[in-house]
């Protein structure tokens, strides 16, 4: 079985992900709560509603910011 992987950078750290993996599935795999984050994908802010539509490619760069509530 020949599995293909893409290399993706998240907040400066390199990860491998399955070929044809969606942004949503990748974020869940990394244990992010997609309801409380903002994602920059290749220097573009992505809406939560588009996470399922984006398929990661080799060399993609993500910046993920977690929103923390408090007082």
N, C-alpha and C. Protein backbone atom coordinates (compact mmCIF):
# COMPACT_ATOMS: atom_id res chain seq x y z
N UNK A 1 0.84 -1.17 0.00
CA UNK A 1 0.00 0.00 0.00
C UNK A 1 0.89 1.24 0.00
N UNK A 2 0.69 2.12 -0.95
CA UNK A 2 1.51 3.31 -1.10
C UNK A 2 0.70 4.54 -0.67
N UNK A 3 0.94 5.02 0.54
CA UNK A 3 0.25 6.20 1.04
C UNK A 3 1.05 7.44 0.69
N UNK A 4 0.35 8.47 0.26
CA UNK A 4 1.01 9.73 -0.04
C UNK A 4 0.73 10.72 1.08
N UNK A 5 1.74 11.52 1.41
CA UNK A 5 1.61 12.51 2.47
C UNK A 5 2.03 13.88 1.96
N UNK A 6 1.45 14.90 2.55
CA UNK A 6 1.85 16.27 2.31
C UNK A 6 2.52 16.81 3.56
N UNK A 7 3.47 17.70 3.37
CA UNK A 7 4.11 18.38 4.48
C UNK A 7 3.49 19.76 4.60
N UNK A 8 2.99 20.06 5.80
CA UNK A 8 2.29 21.32 6.08
C UNK A 8 2.93 21.96 7.31
N UNK A 9 3.10 23.27 7.28
CA UNK A 9 3.66 23.99 8.42
C UNK A 9 2.53 24.66 9.19
N UNK A 10 2.50 24.40 10.51
CA UNK A 10 1.48 24.98 11.39
C UNK A 10 2.20 25.74 12.50
N UNK A 11 1.99 27.05 12.53
CA UNK A 11 2.64 27.91 13.53
C UNK A 11 4.14 27.65 13.61
N UNK A 12 4.76 27.47 12.44
CA UNK A 12 6.20 27.27 12.35
C UNK A 12 6.68 25.85 12.56
N UNK A 13 5.79 24.93 12.88
CA UNK A 13 6.15 23.53 13.12
C UNK A 13 5.68 22.67 11.93
N UNK A 14 6.54 21.76 11.48
CA UNK A 14 6.25 20.94 10.30
C UNK A 14 5.50 19.67 10.69
N UNK A 15 4.43 19.38 9.94
CA UNK A 15 3.63 18.17 10.15
C UNK A 15 3.42 17.47 8.81
N UNK A 16 3.22 16.17 8.86
CA UNK A 16 2.79 15.41 7.69
C UNK A 16 1.30 15.13 7.83
N UNK A 17 0.60 15.19 6.72
CA UNK A 17 -0.82 14.84 6.72
C UNK A 17 -1.12 14.00 5.49
N UNK A 18 -2.22 13.29 5.56
CA UNK A 18 -2.63 12.44 4.43
C UNK A 18 -2.86 13.28 3.19
N UNK A 19 -2.54 12.72 2.05
CA UNK A 19 -2.86 13.32 0.76
C UNK A 19 -4.38 13.45 0.68
N UNK A 20 -4.87 14.57 0.19
CA UNK A 20 -6.31 14.85 0.04
C UNK A 20 -7.02 15.05 1.38
N UNK A 21 -6.32 15.49 2.41
CA UNK A 21 -6.93 15.74 3.72
C UNK A 21 -7.49 17.15 3.75
N UNK A 22 -8.70 17.30 4.28
CA UNK A 22 -9.30 18.64 4.37
C UNK A 22 -8.68 19.41 5.54
N UNK A 23 -8.77 20.72 5.45
CA UNK A 23 -8.29 21.57 6.54
C UNK A 23 -9.02 21.22 7.83
N UNK A 24 -10.33 21.02 7.76
CA UNK A 24 -11.11 20.67 8.95
C UNK A 24 -10.60 19.39 9.59
N UNK A 25 -10.42 18.33 8.80
CA UNK A 25 -9.97 17.05 9.35
C UNK A 25 -8.57 17.17 9.95
N UNK A 26 -7.71 17.95 9.33
CA UNK A 26 -6.35 18.14 9.84
C UNK A 26 -6.38 18.87 11.18
N UNK A 27 -7.19 19.91 11.29
CA UNK A 27 -7.29 20.65 12.55
C UNK A 27 -7.85 19.77 13.67
N UNK A 28 -8.83 18.94 13.36
CA UNK A 28 -9.38 18.01 14.34
C UNK A 28 -8.31 16.99 14.75
N UNK A 29 -7.55 16.49 13.79
CA UNK A 29 -6.46 15.55 14.06
C UNK A 29 -5.45 16.17 15.05
N UNK A 30 -5.19 17.47 14.89
CA UNK A 30 -4.26 18.16 15.79
C UNK A 30 -4.92 18.61 17.09
N UNK A 31 -6.19 18.23 17.27
CA UNK A 31 -6.96 18.47 18.50
C UNK A 31 -7.29 19.94 18.74
N UNK A 32 -7.48 20.70 17.66
CA UNK A 32 -7.96 22.07 17.78
C UNK A 32 -9.48 22.04 17.87
N UNK A 33 -10.05 22.94 18.67
CA UNK A 33 -11.49 23.14 18.71
C UNK A 33 -11.80 24.16 17.63
N UNK A 34 -12.36 23.72 16.53
CA UNK A 34 -12.56 24.59 15.37
C UNK A 34 -13.53 25.74 15.65
N UNK A 35 -14.25 25.68 16.75
CA UNK A 35 -15.18 26.77 17.11
C UNK A 35 -14.47 27.93 17.79
N UNK A 36 -13.24 27.70 18.26
CA UNK A 36 -12.54 28.74 19.04
C UNK A 36 -11.20 29.12 18.45
N UNK A 37 -11.04 28.98 17.13
CA UNK A 37 -9.77 29.34 16.51
C UNK A 37 -10.00 30.24 15.29
N UNK A 38 -8.95 30.94 14.94
CA UNK A 38 -8.89 31.68 13.68
C UNK A 38 -7.74 31.08 12.90
N UNK A 39 -7.96 30.81 11.61
CA UNK A 39 -6.95 30.15 10.80
C UNK A 39 -6.55 31.03 9.62
N UNK A 40 -5.24 31.21 9.48
CA UNK A 40 -4.68 31.85 8.30
C UNK A 40 -4.07 30.73 7.45
N UNK A 41 -4.57 30.58 6.24
CA UNK A 41 -4.12 29.53 5.33
C UNK A 41 -3.40 30.19 4.16
N UNK A 42 -2.10 29.96 4.07
CA UNK A 42 -1.28 30.59 3.03
C UNK A 42 -1.53 32.10 2.95
N UNK A 43 -1.49 32.73 4.12
CA UNK A 43 -1.60 34.18 4.30
C UNK A 43 -2.99 34.74 4.01
N UNK A 44 -4.02 33.89 4.10
CA UNK A 44 -5.40 34.35 3.92
C UNK A 44 -6.25 33.81 5.07
N UNK A 45 -7.00 34.70 5.73
CA UNK A 45 -7.89 34.28 6.82
C UNK A 45 -9.03 33.46 6.21
N UNK A 46 -9.28 32.30 6.82
CA UNK A 46 -10.29 31.37 6.31
C UNK A 46 -11.48 31.32 7.27
N UNK A 47 -12.68 31.40 6.73
CA UNK A 47 -13.90 31.29 7.52
C UNK A 47 -14.11 29.83 7.93
N UNK A 48 -14.64 29.64 9.12
CA UNK A 48 -14.97 28.31 9.63
C UNK A 48 -15.82 27.52 8.63
N UNK A 49 -16.71 28.20 7.94
CA UNK A 49 -17.59 27.51 6.99
C UNK A 49 -16.84 26.94 5.78
N UNK A 50 -15.60 27.37 5.57
CA UNK A 50 -14.81 26.87 4.43
C UNK A 50 -13.80 25.79 4.81
N UNK A 51 -13.69 25.44 6.09
CA UNK A 51 -12.70 24.46 6.53
C UNK A 51 -12.85 23.12 5.83
N UNK A 52 -14.07 22.70 5.56
CA UNK A 52 -14.30 21.40 4.92
C UNK A 52 -13.94 21.42 3.43
N UNK A 53 -14.01 22.59 2.81
CA UNK A 53 -13.81 22.70 1.36
C UNK A 53 -12.35 22.77 0.95
N UNK A 54 -11.47 23.15 1.87
CA UNK A 54 -10.06 23.32 1.54
C UNK A 54 -9.34 21.99 1.72
N UNK A 55 -8.66 21.56 0.66
CA UNK A 55 -7.84 20.34 0.70
C UNK A 55 -6.38 20.79 0.79
N UNK A 56 -5.67 20.27 1.78
CA UNK A 56 -4.29 20.68 2.01
C UNK A 56 -3.37 20.17 0.91
N UNK A 57 -2.39 21.00 0.57
CA UNK A 57 -1.38 20.66 -0.43
C UNK A 57 -0.01 20.69 0.20
N UNK A 58 0.93 20.01 -0.42
CA UNK A 58 2.29 19.99 0.06
C UNK A 58 2.84 21.43 0.10
N UNK A 59 3.43 21.81 1.23
CA UNK A 59 4.03 23.13 1.37
C UNK A 59 3.10 24.21 1.89
N UNK A 60 1.83 23.87 2.17
CA UNK A 60 0.90 24.86 2.71
C UNK A 60 1.38 25.34 4.08
N UNK A 61 1.04 26.59 4.39
CA UNK A 61 1.40 27.18 5.68
C UNK A 61 0.14 27.64 6.40
N UNK A 62 0.03 27.24 7.65
CA UNK A 62 -1.11 27.60 8.49
C UNK A 62 -0.61 28.36 9.71
N UNK A 63 -1.36 29.37 10.10
CA UNK A 63 -1.19 30.01 11.38
C UNK A 63 -2.52 29.85 12.10
N UNK A 64 -2.49 29.28 13.29
CA UNK A 64 -3.72 29.03 14.04
C UNK A 64 -3.63 29.81 15.35
N UNK A 65 -4.66 30.63 15.59
CA UNK A 65 -4.74 31.42 16.80
C UNK A 65 -5.95 30.93 17.59
N UNK A 66 -5.74 30.59 18.86
CA UNK A 66 -6.82 30.12 19.72
C UNK A 66 -7.40 31.31 20.48
N UNK A 67 -8.71 31.41 20.45
CA UNK A 67 -9.42 32.47 21.16
C UNK A 67 -9.69 31.97 22.58
N UNK A 68 -9.25 32.75 23.56
CA UNK A 68 -9.41 32.37 24.96
C UNK A 68 -10.28 33.42 25.64
N UNK A 69 -11.31 32.95 26.31
CA UNK A 69 -12.18 33.87 27.04
C UNK A 69 -11.70 34.02 28.48
N UNK A 70 -12.18 35.01 29.11
CA UNK A 70 -11.81 35.20 30.50
C UNK A 70 -12.06 36.62 30.93
N UNK A 71 -11.65 36.90 32.12
CA UNK A 71 -11.92 38.23 32.60
C UNK A 71 -10.82 38.79 33.43
